Amino acid sequence: DLVSKICDRGVVLEHGNLRFDGPIKEAVKVIRGGD
């Protein structure tokens, strides 16, 4: 993924609440529904 090449870390928010904070590859999985 392009985002993995330019980011080290990802933060996922859901309805204003922190859902995930960590490595970008894991954040992408959370966003795609594979948490």
N, C-alpha and C. Protein backbone atom coordinates (compact mmCIF):
# COMPACT_ATOMS: atom_id res chain seq x y z
N ASP A 1 0.82 -1.20 0.00
CA ASP A 1 0.00 0.00 0.00
C ASP A 1 0.86 1.25 0.00
N LEU A 2 0.38 2.26 -0.68
CA LEU A 2 1.07 3.55 -0.70
C LEU A 2 1.14 4.14 0.70
N VAL A 3 0.06 4.04 1.45
CA VAL A 3 0.05 4.62 2.79
C VAL A 3 1.13 3.99 3.67
N SER A 4 1.42 2.72 3.48
CA SER A 4 2.46 2.05 4.26
C SER A 4 3.85 2.57 3.92
N LYS A 5 4.00 3.10 2.73
CA LYS A 5 5.30 3.64 2.31
C LYS A 5 5.55 5.03 2.86
N ILE A 6 4.48 5.76 3.17
CA ILE A 6 4.68 7.14 3.63
C ILE A 6 4.36 7.34 5.11
N CYS A 7 3.78 6.33 5.76
CA CYS A 7 3.41 6.45 7.18
C CYS A 7 3.98 5.28 7.98
N ASP A 8 4.38 5.55 9.21
CA ASP A 8 4.84 4.49 10.11
C ASP A 8 3.74 4.05 11.06
N ARG A 9 2.84 4.96 11.33
CA ARG A 9 1.84 4.75 12.38
C ARG A 9 0.48 5.20 11.89
N GLY A 10 -0.56 4.53 12.38
CA GLY A 10 -1.91 4.90 12.00
C GLY A 10 -2.81 5.05 13.21
N VAL A 11 -3.74 5.97 13.10
CA VAL A 11 -4.74 6.19 14.14
C VAL A 11 -6.10 6.08 13.47
N VAL A 12 -6.97 5.25 14.02
CA VAL A 12 -8.31 5.07 13.48
C VAL A 12 -9.31 5.59 14.51
N LEU A 13 -10.15 6.51 14.07
CA LEU A 13 -11.19 7.05 14.93
C LEU A 13 -12.54 6.54 14.45
N GLU A 14 -13.44 6.28 15.39
CA GLU A 14 -14.79 5.86 15.05
C GLU A 14 -15.76 6.67 15.90
N HIS A 15 -16.55 7.50 15.24
CA HIS A 15 -17.49 8.39 15.93
C HIS A 15 -16.78 9.25 16.97
N GLY A 16 -15.57 9.69 16.63
CA GLY A 16 -14.81 10.56 17.52
C GLY A 16 -14.04 9.85 18.62
N ASN A 17 -14.15 8.54 18.67
CA ASN A 17 -13.45 7.76 19.69
C ASN A 17 -12.29 6.99 19.08
N LEU A 18 -11.22 6.87 19.83
CA LEU A 18 -10.05 6.14 19.36
C LEU A 18 -10.39 4.66 19.26
N ARG A 19 -10.23 4.12 18.07
CA ARG A 19 -10.47 2.69 17.87
C ARG A 19 -9.16 1.93 17.79
N PHE A 20 -8.14 2.56 17.20
CA PHE A 20 -6.84 1.90 17.06
C PHE A 20 -5.76 2.94 16.96
N ASP A 21 -4.60 2.65 17.56
CA ASP A 21 -3.42 3.51 17.49
C ASP A 21 -2.22 2.58 17.48
N GLY A 22 -1.52 2.52 16.35
CA GLY A 22 -0.37 1.62 16.28
C GLY A 22 0.22 1.56 14.89
N PRO A 23 0.88 0.45 14.58
CA PRO A 23 1.55 0.29 13.29
C PRO A 23 0.58 0.47 12.12
N ILE A 24 1.05 1.11 11.07
CA ILE A 24 0.19 1.45 9.94
C ILE A 24 -0.44 0.21 9.29
N LYS A 25 0.31 -0.87 9.19
CA LYS A 25 -0.26 -2.07 8.56
C LYS A 25 -1.45 -2.61 9.35
N GLU A 26 -1.36 -2.54 10.66
CA GLU A 26 -2.48 -2.97 11.50
C GLU A 26 -3.65 -1.99 11.39
N ALA A 27 -3.35 -0.70 11.31
CA ALA A 27 -4.40 0.31 11.18
C ALA A 27 -5.18 0.10 9.88
N VAL A 28 -4.47 -0.22 8.81
CA VAL A 28 -5.14 -0.48 7.53
C VAL A 28 -6.06 -1.69 7.65
N LYS A 29 -5.63 -2.71 8.37
CA LYS A 29 -6.49 -3.89 8.58
C LYS A 29 -7.76 -3.51 9.33
N VAL A 30 -7.61 -2.66 10.35
CA VAL A 30 -8.77 -2.22 11.12
C VAL A 30 -9.74 -1.46 10.22
N ILE A 31 -9.21 -0.56 9.41
CA ILE A 31 -10.05 0.24 8.51
C ILE A 31 -10.79 -0.67 7.53
N ARG A 32 -10.11 -1.69 7.05
CA ARG A 32 -10.71 -2.59 6.06
C ARG A 32 -11.61 -3.65 6.70
N GLY A 33 -11.73 -3.62 8.01
CA GLY A 33 -12.63 -4.54 8.69
C GLY A 33 -12.02 -5.84 9.11
N GLY A 34 -10.70 -5.93 9.11
CA GLY A 34 -10.05 -7.17 9.48
C GLY A 34 -9.46 -7.15 10.87
N ASP A 35 -10.09 -6.41 11.78
CA ASP A 35 -9.55 -6.35 13.14
C ASP A 35 -10.05 -7.55 13.88
